[in-house]
PDB file of N, CA and C in Angstrom:
ATOM      1  N   ALA A   1      62.860 -34.201  72.668  1.00  0.00           N
ATOM      2  CA  ALA A   1      62.950 -32.876  71.629  1.00  0.00           C
ATOM      3  C   ALA A   1      63.074 -31.507  73.270  1.00  0.00           C
ATOM      4  N   LEU A   2      62.618 -31.860  74.318  1.00  0.00           N
ATOM      5  CA  LEU A   2      63.172 -30.957  75.242  1.00  0.00           C
ATOM      6  C   LEU A   2      64.736 -30.775  75.309  1.00  0.00           C
ATOM      7  N   PRO A   3      65.175 -31.761  75.362  1.00  0.00           N
ATOM      8  CA  PRO A   3      66.733 -31.507  75.540  1.00  0.00           C
ATOM      9  C   PRO A   3      67.545 -30.747  74.023  1.00  0.00           C
ATOM     10  N   ALA A   4      67.024 -31.563  73.005  1.00  0.00           N
ATOM     11  CA  ALA A   4      67.501 -30.626  71.895  1.00  0.00           C
ATOM     12  C   ALA A   4      67.281 -29.108  71.962  1.00  0.00           C
ATOM     13  N   ILE A   5      65.563 -28.904  72.304  1.00  0.00           N
ATOM     14  CA  ILE A   5      65.565 -27.509  72.295  1.00  0.00           C
ATOM     15  C   ILE A   5      66.509 -26.560  73.386  1.00  0.00           C
ATOM     16  N   ALA A   6      66.364 -27.293  74.348  1.00  0.00           N
ATOM     17  CA  ALA A   6      67.092 -26.206  75.586  1.00  0.00           C
ATOM     18  C   ALA A   6      68.610 -26.607  74.723  1.00  0.00           C
ATOM     19  N   ALA A   7      69.646 -27.132  74.396  1.00  0.00           N
ATOM     20  CA  ALA A   7      70.831 -27.143  73.746  1.00  0.00           C
ATOM     21  C   ALA A   7      70.753 -26.047  72.613  1.00  0.00           C
ATOM     22  N   ILE A   8      69.959 -26.017  72.381  1.00  0.00           N
ATOM     23  CA  ILE A   8      69.772 -24.850  71.073  1.00  0.00           C
ATOM     24  C   ILE A   8      69.892 -23.564  71.703  1.00  0.00           C
ATOM     25  N   GLU A   9      68.608 -23.398  72.460  1.00  0.00           N
ATOM     26  CA  GLU A   9      68.861 -22.161  73.467  1.00  0.00           C
ATOM     27  C   GLU A   9      69.723 -21.540  74.281  1.00  0.00           C
ATOM     28  N   ALA A  10      70.357 -22.822  74.428  1.00  0.00           N
ATOM     29  CA  ALA A  10      71.900 -22.245  75.259  1.00  0.00           C
ATOM     30  C   ALA A  10      72.919 -21.802  74.214  1.00  0.00           C
ATOM     31  N   GLY A  11      72.718 -22.445  72.910  1.00  0.00           N
ATOM     32  CA  GLY A  11      73.569 -21.836  71.908  1.00  0.00           C
ATOM     33  C   GLY A  11      74.341 -22.932  71.114  1.00  0.00           C
ATOM     34  N   ALA A  12      73.808 -24.256  71.344  1.00  0.00           N
ATOM     35  CA  ALA A  12      74.767 -25.588  70.217  1.00  0.00           C
ATOM     36  C   ALA A  12      74.006 -25.548  69.638  1.00  0.00           C
ATOM     37  N   HIS A  13      74.862 -25.765  68.534  1.00  0.00           N
ATOM     38  CA  HIS A  13      74.521 -26.620  67.330  1.00  0.00           C
ATOM     39  C   HIS A  13      74.215 -28.461  67.837  1.00  0.00           C
ATOM     40  N   VAL A  14      73.316 -29.184  67.310  1.00  0.00           N
ATOM     41  CA  VAL A  14      72.620 -29.951  67.927  1.00  0.00           C
ATOM     42  C   VAL A  14      72.693 -31.446  66.977  1.00  0.00           C
ATOM     43  N   PHE A  15      73.135 -32.411  67.057  1.00  0.00           N
ATOM     44  CA  PHE A  15      73.272 -33.731  66.090  1.00  0.00           C
ATOM     45  C   PHE A  15      71.886 -34.719  66.518  1.00  0.00           C
ATOM     46  N   LEU A  16      71.144 -35.016  65.890  1.00  0.00           N
ATOM     47  CA  LEU A  16      70.189 -35.703  66.529  1.00  0.00           C
ATOM     48  C   LEU A  16      70.159 -37.207  65.811  1.00  0.00           C
ATOM     49  N   GLU A  17      70.090 -38.196  66.228  1.00  0.00           N
ATOM     50  CA  GLU A  17      69.672 -39.649  65.640  1.00  0.00           C
ATOM     51  C   GLU A  17      68.274 -39.711  65.419  1.00  0.00           C
ATOM     52  N   LYS A  18      67.927 -40.327  64.159  1.00  0.00           N
ATOM     53  CA  LYS A  18      66.394 -40.141  63.974  1.00  0.00           C
ATOM     54  C   LYS A  18      66.056 -41.523  64.811  1.00  0.00           C
ATOM     55  N   PRO A  19      64.404 -41.267  65.440  1.00  0.00           N
ATOM     56  CA  PRO A  19      63.869 -40.338  65.011  1.00  0.00           C
ATOM     57  C   PRO A  19      64.213 -39.103  65.600  1.00  0.00           C
ATOM     58  N   THR A  20      63.831 -37.737  65.060  1.00  0.00           N
ATOM     59  CA  THR A  20      64.476 -36.467  66.175  1.00  0.00           C
ATOM     60  C   THR A  20      63.730 -36.363  67.100  1.00  0.00           C
ATOM     61  N   ALA A  21      62.341 -36.797  67.167  1.00  0.00           N
ATOM     62  CA  ALA A  21      61.407 -36.289  68.195  1.00  0.00           C
ATOM     63  C   ALA A  21      60.121 -37.723  68.277  1.00  0.00           C
ATOM     64  N   HIS A  22      59.561 -37.517  69.112  1.00  0.00           N
ATOM     65  CA  HIS A  22      57.980 -38.880  69.086  1.00  0.00           C
ATOM     66  C   HIS A  22      57.156 -38.545  67.801  1.00  0.00           C
ATOM     67  N   THR A  23      57.033 -36.810  68.148  1.00  0.00           N
ATOM     68  CA  THR A  23      56.190 -36.899  66.920  1.00  0.00           C
ATOM     69  C   THR A  23      56.346 -35.398  65.739  1.00  0.00           C
ATOM     70  N   VAL A  24      55.758 -35.275  65.141  1.00  0.00           N
ATOM     71  CA  VAL A  24      55.944 -34.188  63.844  1.00  0.00           C
ATOM     72  C   VAL A  24      56.005 -32.647  64.458  1.00  0.00           C
ATOM     73  N   LEU A  25      55.175 -32.778  65.352  1.00  0.00           N
ATOM     74  CA  LEU A  25      55.073 -31.482  66.051  1.00  0.00           C
ATOM     75  C   LEU A  25      55.999 -31.216  66.805  1.00  0.00           C
ATOM     76  N   GLU A  26      56.984 -32.120  67.918  1.00  0.00           N
ATOM     77  CA  GLU A  26      58.309 -31.918  68.237  1.00  0.00           C
ATOM     78  C   GLU A  26      59.065 -31.823  67.523  1.00  0.00           C
ATOM     79  N   SER A  27      59.607 -32.480  66.330  1.00  0.00           N
ATOM     80  CA  SER A  27      59.747 -31.710  65.427  1.00  0.00           C
ATOM     81  C   SER A  27      60.310 -30.733  64.961  1.00  0.00           C
ATOM     82  N   ARG A  28      59.177 -30.335  64.657  1.00  0.00           N
ATOM     83  CA  ARG A  28      58.627 -28.807  64.066  1.00  0.00           C
ATOM     84  C   ARG A  28      59.569 -27.892  65.382  1.00  0.00           C
ATOM     85  N   ALA A  29      59.062 -27.893  66.669  1.00  0.00           N
ATOM     86  CA  ALA A  29      59.333 -27.261  67.799  1.00  0.00           C
ATOM     87  C   ALA A  29      61.090 -27.280  67.534  1.00  0.00           C
ATOM     88  N   ILE A  30      61.827 -28.649  67.300  1.00  0.00           N
ATOM     89  CA  ILE A  30      63.150 -27.898  67.399  1.00  0.00           C
ATOM     90  C   ILE A  30      63.698 -27.445  66.321  1.00  0.00           C
ATOM     91  N   LEU A  31      62.869 -27.859  64.954  1.00  0.00           N
ATOM     92  CA  LEU A  31      63.331 -26.760  63.567  1.00  0.00           C
ATOM     93  C   LEU A  31      62.974 -25.518  63.905  1.00  0.00           C
ATOM     94  N   ASN A  32      61.949 -25.156  64.449  1.00  0.00           N
ATOM     95  CA  ASN A  32      61.807 -23.842  64.844  1.00  0.00           C
ATOM     96  C   ASN A  32      62.611 -23.315  65.494  1.00  0.00           C
ATOM     97  N   ALA A  33      62.986 -24.170  66.929  1.00  0.00           N
ATOM     98  CA  ALA A  33      64.208 -23.168  67.794  1.00  0.00           C
ATOM     99  C   ALA A  33      65.227 -23.011  67.020  1.00  0.00           C
ATOM    100  N   ALA A  34      65.577 -23.964  65.902  1.00  0.00           N
ATOM    101  CA  ALA A  34      66.769 -23.994  65.479  1.00  0.00           C
ATOM    102  C   ALA A  34      67.355 -22.664  64.740  1.00  0.00           C
ATOM    103  N   ARG A  35      65.677 -22.578  64.140  1.00  0.00           N
ATOM    104  CA  ARG A  35      65.530 -21.498  63.004  1.00  0.00           C
ATOM    105  C   ARG A  35      66.000 -20.003  63.729  1.00  0.00           C
ATOM    106  N   ALA A  36      65.278 -19.875  64.908  1.00  0.00           N
ATOM    107  CA  ALA A  36      65.180 -18.551  65.571  1.00  0.00           C
ATOM    108  C   ALA A  36      66.234 -18.468  66.580  1.00  0.00           C
ATOM    109  N   ALA A  37      67.065 -19.613  66.887  1.00  0.00           N
ATOM    110  CA  ALA A  37      68.609 -19.265  67.329  1.00  0.00           C
ATOM    111  C   ALA A  37      70.006 -19.309  66.232  1.00  0.00           C
ATOM    112  N   ASN A  38      69.261 -19.297  64.981  1.00  0.00           N
ATOM    113  CA  ASN A  38      70.502 -19.787  63.908  1.00  0.00           C
ATOM    114  C   ASN A  38      71.637 -20.586  64.651  1.00  0.00           C
ATOM    115  N   ARG A  39      70.859 -21.608  64.391  1.00  0.00           N
ATOM    116  CA  ARG A  39      71.737 -22.818  65.002  1.00  0.00           C
ATOM    117  C   ARG A  39      71.335 -23.987  64.283  1.00  0.00           C
ATOM    118  N   VAL A  40      71.949 -24.645  64.041  1.00  0.00           N
ATOM    119  CA  VAL A  40      72.240 -25.736  62.733  1.00  0.00           C
ATOM    120  C   VAL A  40      71.985 -27.554  63.658  1.00  0.00           C
ATOM    121  N   VAL A  41      70.789 -27.677  63.276  1.00  0.00           N
ATOM    122  CA  VAL A  41      70.665 -29.056  63.886  1.00  0.00           C
ATOM    123  C   VAL A  41      70.660 -30.208  62.546  1.00  0.00           C
ATOM    124  N   GLN A  42      71.767 -31.383  62.828  1.00  0.00           N
ATOM    125  CA  GLN A  42      71.996 -31.872  61.896  1.00  0.00           C
ATOM    126  C   GLN A  42      71.198 -33.313  62.275  1.00  0.00           C
ATOM    127  N   VAL A  43      70.667 -34.157  61.441  1.00  0.00           N
ATOM    128  CA  VAL A  43      70.094 -35.603  61.775  1.00  0.00           C
ATOM    129  C   VAL A  43      70.713 -36.821  60.956  1.00  0.00           C
ATOM    130  N   GLY A  44      71.239 -37.361  62.025  1.00  0.00           N
ATOM    131  CA  GLY A  44      72.143 -39.031  61.519  1.00  0.00           C
ATOM    132  C   GLY A  44      71.353 -40.132  61.392  1.00  0.00           C
ATOM    133  N   LEU A  45      71.645 -40.416  60.324  1.00  0.00           N
ATOM    134  CA  LEU A  45      71.175 -41.951  59.915  1.00  0.00           C
ATOM    135  C   LEU A  45      71.988 -43.088  60.633  1.00  0.00           C
ATOM    136  N   HIS A  46      71.296 -43.770  61.289  1.00  0.00           N
ATOM    137  CA  HIS A  46      72.098 -45.285  62.405  1.00  0.00           C
ATOM    138  C   HIS A  46      72.762 -45.784  61.524  1.00  0.00           C
ATOM    139  N   ARG A  47      74.111 -45.342  62.156  1.00  0.00           N
ATOM    140  CA  ARG A  47      75.367 -46.200  61.512  1.00  0.00           C
ATOM    141  C   ARG A  47      76.021 -45.981  60.114  1.00  0.00           C
ATOM    142  N   ARG A  48      75.302 -44.771  59.051  1.00  0.00           N
ATOM    143  CA  ARG A  48      75.586 -44.046  58.502  1.00  0.00           C
ATOM    144  C   ARG A  48      76.970 -43.485  58.770  1.00  0.00           C
ATOM    145  N   ILE A  49      77.343 -42.751  58.984  1.00  0.00           N
ATOM    146  CA  ILE A  49      78.627 -42.409  59.371  1.00  0.00           C
ATOM    147  C   ILE A  49      79.992 -42.756  59.817  1.00  0.00           C
ATOM    148  N   GLY A  50      79.830 -44.049  60.550  1.00  0.00           N
ATOM    149  CA  GLY A  50      80.801 -44.730  60.899  1.00  0.00           C
ATOM    150  C   GLY A  50      81.541 -44.766  60.424  1.00  0.00           C
ATOM    151  N   PRO A  51      82.823 -44.885  60.571  1.00  0.00           N
ATOM    152  CA  PRO A  51      84.328 -44.810  59.451  1.00  0.00           C
ATOM    153  C   PRO A  51      84.153 -46.545  58.604  1.00  0.00           C
ATOM    154  N   HIS A  52      83.751 -47.662  59.197  1.00  0.00           N
ATOM    155  CA  HIS A  52      83.706 -49.037  58.567  1.00  0.00           C
ATOM    156  C   HIS A  52      82.323 -48.761  57.570  1.00  0.00           C
ATOM    157  N   HIS A  53      81.507 -48.220  57.999  1.00  0.00           N
ATOM    158  CA  HIS A  53      80.796 -48.293  56.898  1.00  0.00           C
ATOM    159  C   HIS A  53      80.257 -47.340  55.886  1.00  0.00           C
ATOM    160  N   VAL A  54      81.178 -46.346  56.057  1.00  0.00           N
ATOM    161  CA  VAL A  54      81.710 -45.410  55.015  1.00  0.00           C
ATOM    162  C   VAL A  54      82.679 -45.932  54.149  1.00  0.00           C
ATOM    163  N   GLU A  55      83.590 -46.832  54.525  1.00  0.00           N
ATOM    164  CA  GLU A  55      84.669 -47.654  53.764  1.00  0.00           C
ATOM    165  C   GLU A  55      83.662 -48.656  52.874  1.00  0.00           C
ATOM    166  N   ALA A  56      82.354 -49.263  53.648  1.00  0.00           N
ATOM    167  CA  ALA A  56      82.315 -50.074  52.784  1.00  0.00           C
ATOM    168  C   ALA A  56      81.321 -49.926  51.925  1.00  0.00           C
ATOM    169  N   MET A  57      80.644 -48.362  52.003  1.00  0.00           N
ATOM    170  CA  MET A  57      79.790 -47.983  50.886  1.00  0.00           C
ATOM    171  C   MET A  57      80.955 -47.322  49.492  1.00  0.00           C
ATOM    172  N   LYS A  58      82.076 -47.159  49.939  1.00  0.00           N
ATOM    173  CA  LYS A  58      82.985 -46.656  49.038  1.00  0.00           C
ATOM    174  C   LYS A  58      83.311 -47.643  48.089  1.00  0.00           C
ATOM    175  N   PHE A  59      83.364 -49.210  48.837  1.00  0.00           N
ATOM    176  CA  PHE A  59      84.142 -50.092  48.055  1.00  0.00           C
ATOM    177  C   PHE A  59      82.635 -50.495  47.523  1.00  0.00           C
ATOM    178  N   LEU A  60      81.611 -50.505  47.817  1.00  0.00           N
ATOM    179  CA  LEU A  60      80.166 -51.355  46.846  1.00  0.00           C
ATOM    180  C   LEU A  60      80.300 -50.171  45.555  1.00  0.00           C
ATOM    181  N   ARG A  61      80.545 -48.920  46.102  1.00  0.00           N
ATOM    182  CA  ARG A  61      80.070 -48.126  44.388  1.00  0.00           C
ATOM    183  C   ARG A  61      81.667 -48.333  44.106  1.00  0.00           C
ATOM    184  N   SER A  62      82.560 -48.865  43.994  1.00  0.00           N
ATOM    185  CA  SER A  62      83.832 -48.998  43.103  1.00  0.00           C
ATOM    186  C   SER A  62      83.280 -49.489  42.108  1.00  0.00           C
ATOM    187  N   GLY A  63      82.485 -50.672  42.144  1.00  0.00           N
ATOM    188  CA  GLY A  63      82.226 -51.408  40.942  1.00  0.00           C
ATOM    189  C   GLY A  63      82.916 -52.955  41.148  1.00  0.00           C
ATOM    190  N   LYS A  64      83.880 -52.388  42.067  1.00  0.00           N
ATOM    191  CA  LYS A  64      84.647 -54.071  42.436  1.00  0.00           C
ATOM    192  C   LYS A  64      83.615 -55.585  42.719  1.00  0.00           C
ATOM    193  N   VAL A  65      82.593 -55.582  43.175  1.00  0.00           N
ATOM    194  CA  VAL A  65      81.788 -56.812  42.707  1.00  0.00           C
ATOM    195  C   VAL A  65      80.802 -56.762  42.302  1.00  0.00           C
ATOM    196  N   GLY A  66      80.518 -55.784  40.898  1.00  0.00           N
ATOM    197  CA  GLY A  66      79.784 -55.305  40.209  1.00  0.00           C
ATOM    198  C   GLY A  66      78.710 -54.641  40.353  1.00  0.00           C
ATOM    199  N   LYS A  67      77.376 -55.003  39.914  1.00  0.00           N
ATOM    200  CA  LYS A  67      76.342 -53.800  40.054  1.00  0.00           C
ATOM    201  C   LYS A  67      75.753 -54.430  41.079  1.00  0.00           C
ATOM    202  N   VAL A  68      75.445 -53.803  42.384  1.00  0.00           N
ATOM    203  CA  VAL A  68      74.605 -54.028  43.857  1.00  0.00           C
ATOM    204  C   VAL A  68      73.183 -53.384  43.651  1.00  0.00           C
ATOM    205  N   GLY A  69      72.539 -54.389  44.187  1.00  0.00           N
ATOM    206  CA  GLY A  69      70.894 -54.194  43.879  1.00  0.00           C
ATOM    207  C   GLY A  69      70.593 -54.068  45.577  1.00  0.00           C
ATOM    208  N   GLN A  70      70.931 -55.150  46.599  1.00  0.00           N
ATOM    209  CA  GLN A  70      70.139 -54.374  47.606  1.00  0.00           C
ATOM    210  C   GLN A  70      71.828 -54.970  48.632  1.00  0.00           C
ATOM    211  N   VAL A  71      71.781 -54.533  49.384  1.00  0.00           N
ATOM    212  CA  VAL A  71      72.473 -54.761  50.831  1.00  0.00           C
ATOM    213  C   VAL A  71      71.506 -54.728  51.674  1.00  0.00           C
ATOM    214  N   ARG A  72      71.869 -55.561  52.538  1.00  0.00           N
ATOM    215  CA  ARG A  72      71.128 -55.876  54.221  1.00  0.00           C
ATOM    216  C   ARG A  72      72.449 -56.392  55.381  1.00  0.00           C
ATOM    217  N   LEU A  73      72.003 -55.539  56.132  1.00  0.00           N
ATOM    218  CA  LEU A  73      73.174 -55.551  57.100  1.00  0.00           C
ATOM    219  C   LEU A  73      72.389 -55.370  58.832  1.00  0.00           C
ATOM    220  N   PHE A  74      72.946 -57.031  59.373  1.00  0.00           N
ATOM    221  CA  PHE A  74      72.189 -56.698  60.604  1.00  0.00           C
ATOM    222  C   PHE A  74      73.307 -56.794  61.490  1.00  0.00           C
ATOM    223  N   VAL A  75      73.377 -56.020  62.944  1.00  0.00           N
ATOM    224  CA  VAL A  75      73.675 -55.660  64.087  1.00  0.00           C
ATOM    225  C   VAL A  75      73.654 -56.752  65.075  1.00  0.00           C
ATOM    226  N   THR A  76      74.376 -57.815  65.697  1.00  0.00           N
ATOM    227  CA  THR A  76      73.527 -58.280  66.551  1.00  0.00           C
ATOM    228  C   THR A  76      74.054 -58.067  67.943  1.00  0.00           C
ATOM    229  N   GLY A  77      75.302 -57.523  68.017  1.00  0.00           N
ATOM    230  CA  GLY A  77      76.080 -57.004  69.026  1.00  0.00           C
ATOM    231  C   GLY A  77      76.716 -55.448  68.904  1.00  0.00           C
ATOM    232  N   GLY A  78      77.764 -54.954  69.651  1.00  0.00           N
ATOM    233  CA  GLY A  78      78.042 -53.411  69.537  1.00  0.00           C
ATOM    234  C   GLY A  78      78.847 -53.386  68.629  1.00  0.00           C
ATOM    235  N   GLY A  79      79.466 -54.082  67.609  1.00  0.00           N
ATOM    236  CA  GLY A  79      79.791 -53.676  66.799  1.00  0.00           C
ATOM    237  C   GLY A  79      81.219 -53.398  66.533  1.00  0.00           C
ATOM    238  N   GLY A  80      81.483 -53.202  65.206  1.00  0.00           N
ATOM    239  CA  GLY A  80      83.191 -52.615  66.175  1.00  0.00           C
ATOM    240  C   GLY A  80      83.665 -51.524  66.831  1.00  0.00           C
ATOM    241  N   LYS A  81      84.613 -51.402  67.234  1.00  0.00           N
ATOM    242  CA  LYS A  81      85.092 -50.238  67.539  1.00  0.00           C
ATOM    243  C   LYS A  81      85.253 -48.869  66.613  1.00  0.00           C
ATOM    244  N   GLU A  82      84.543 -47.825  67.158  1.00  0.00           N
ATOM    245  CA  GLU A  82      84.640 -46.656  66.221  1.00  0.00           C
ATOM    246  C   GLU A  82      85.422 -46.047  66.919  1.00  0.00           C
ATOM    247  N   GLU A  83      86.178 -45.255  65.981  1.00  0.00           N
ATOM    248  CA  GLU A  83      87.395 -44.480  66.278  1.00  0.00           C
ATOM    249  C   GLU A  83      86.645 -42.941  65.649  1.00  0.00           C
ATOM    250  N   PRO A  84      86.866 -42.131  66.906  1.00  0.00           N
ATOM    251  CA  PRO A  84      86.250 -40.824  66.330  1.00  0.00           C
ATOM    252  C   PRO A  84      87.534 -40.153  65.630  1.00  0.00           C
ATOM    253  N   THR A  85      87.065 -39.125  64.839  1.00  0.00           N
ATOM    254  CA  THR A  85      87.971 -38.175  63.894  1.00  0.00           C
ATOM    255  C   THR A  85      87.988 -36.958  64.347  1.00  0.00           C
ATOM    256  N   PRO A  86      89.150 -36.329  64.142  1.00  0.00           N
ATOM    257  CA  PRO A  86      88.973 -35.071  64.826  1.00  0.00           C
ATOM    258  C   PRO A  86      88.327 -34.069  63.926  1.00  0.00           C
ATOM    259  N   ASN A  87      87.448 -33.286  64.527  1.00  0.00           N
ATOM    260  CA  ASN A  87      87.275 -32.314  63.521  1.00  0.00           C
ATOM    261  C   ASN A  87      87.471 -31.445  62.654  1.00  0.00           C
ATOM    262  N   SER A  88      87.275 -31.187  61.320  1.00  0.00           N
ATOM    263  CA  SER A  88      87.716 -30.212  60.639  1.00  0.00           C
ATOM    264  C   SER A  88      88.080 -28.823  60.785  1.00  0.00           C
ATOM    265  N   PRO A  89      89.241 -28.135  60.632  1.00  0.00           N
ATOM    266  CA  PRO A  89      89.346 -26.490  60.916  1.00  0.00           C
ATOM    267  C   PRO A  89      88.034 -25.841  60.089  1.00  0.00           C
TER     268      PRO A  89
END
């Protein structure tokens, strides 16, 4: 929590991976710091924003494989190469 709070207090917006902190109180401290500094804190969900995961979700939601009840994914290595995308203007 301390590095996130320090970044917020330095004026940065912060992207955190879940869990955001070790305790609920630490997470609330991050939230309070962000509100006080008018900064954005975004919480990521492991691997859900990677390009190949986004494309897989689009495919599953397209209906091309019928109704999907559950998908289980196991990553045993480093996964595919993530290609960063430029920030939107």
